[in-house]
C-alpha cells in the first residue's frame, strides 16, 4: 500500500510537471519567449508562483524542459523525413535537410527558441535536460554523415593547411563526439551544417527579406551546394513538402 501511494504521488508529480511545461509552451507560442515567466505560467494554471518551484528549480530549468521537448519533436520530424525516403545515405541527407526546414517554417516561434535565443548558463551544463537533448539532436546529421562516409567517402581538405585555431577546434569536436569520421571529414560536415543552420536562422529572424521574398528556392540552392561538398546529388523537394505542421 505504501508503494502504491508513493507511485501515485510520483505520477501526479510528473503529470503536473508536464502540465507546467505545456502551459509554458502555449505562452511561448502566444507571445514569445519573454512570456514564459514562472509567474505567468502560475497565473495561467491558477497556482501561486512558489508552487511552480516544487516542480522546477526555476525559470531556466523550465525553459530547458520546453527546449528539450522541442528538440525531441524536431528530431522525430527529421527521422521521419529520413525514413520516408530511400535507404541510401546519399539520398537521406537532403531529405533530412528538407525535413528540418519544414519543421522550422511551420513552427517559427519554437525554432527561434531552439536556435536563435541566448542559452542560459544553467542550460549549458552537460547534465542539463536542454544540453542532453541538444547533443542527441546534433548527432542525427552526424551519424548520417558517418553512414555516407562508410558507403562513399567524400572529398576532404588537408587540415594541415588549415588555420591552427580552426584545426584545433575540429580535432576537439571530433574527439568529443567520438565519431568515426576522420577530422577532415568532420570539417566538411561542420561546414555543411553551419551553412544550412545559418540560412534557416536568417529566415526565422526575417533577415532574408532584404533580397528574397521566397526563401524556399534559396534553401534548395543551399542544399545543392552542401550536397556538392558531400559528393552527392541534392535531388528535388517533394511537392507540398515545405512548411507542413503536423
Foldseek 3Di string as FASTA:
>chain_A
DVVVVVVVVVVVLVVVLVLLLVLLVVLCQVPHNVCSALCNSCVVVVHHSVVVCVNPVHSLLSLLVNLLVVLVVLLVQLVCQQVVDDDQLLASLLSSLQSNQLACLQRLRSVCSNQVDDRDPVLCDCPRSNNVSVLVSVCPNVVSLLRLCVVPNFDFDDCVPPDPVVLVVLVVVCVVNVGPDDSRSSVLSVVLVCLSSVLSNCVSVVNCVVPDPDCPVVSLVSLQVSSVRRVHGSDDDPPPSHNDDD
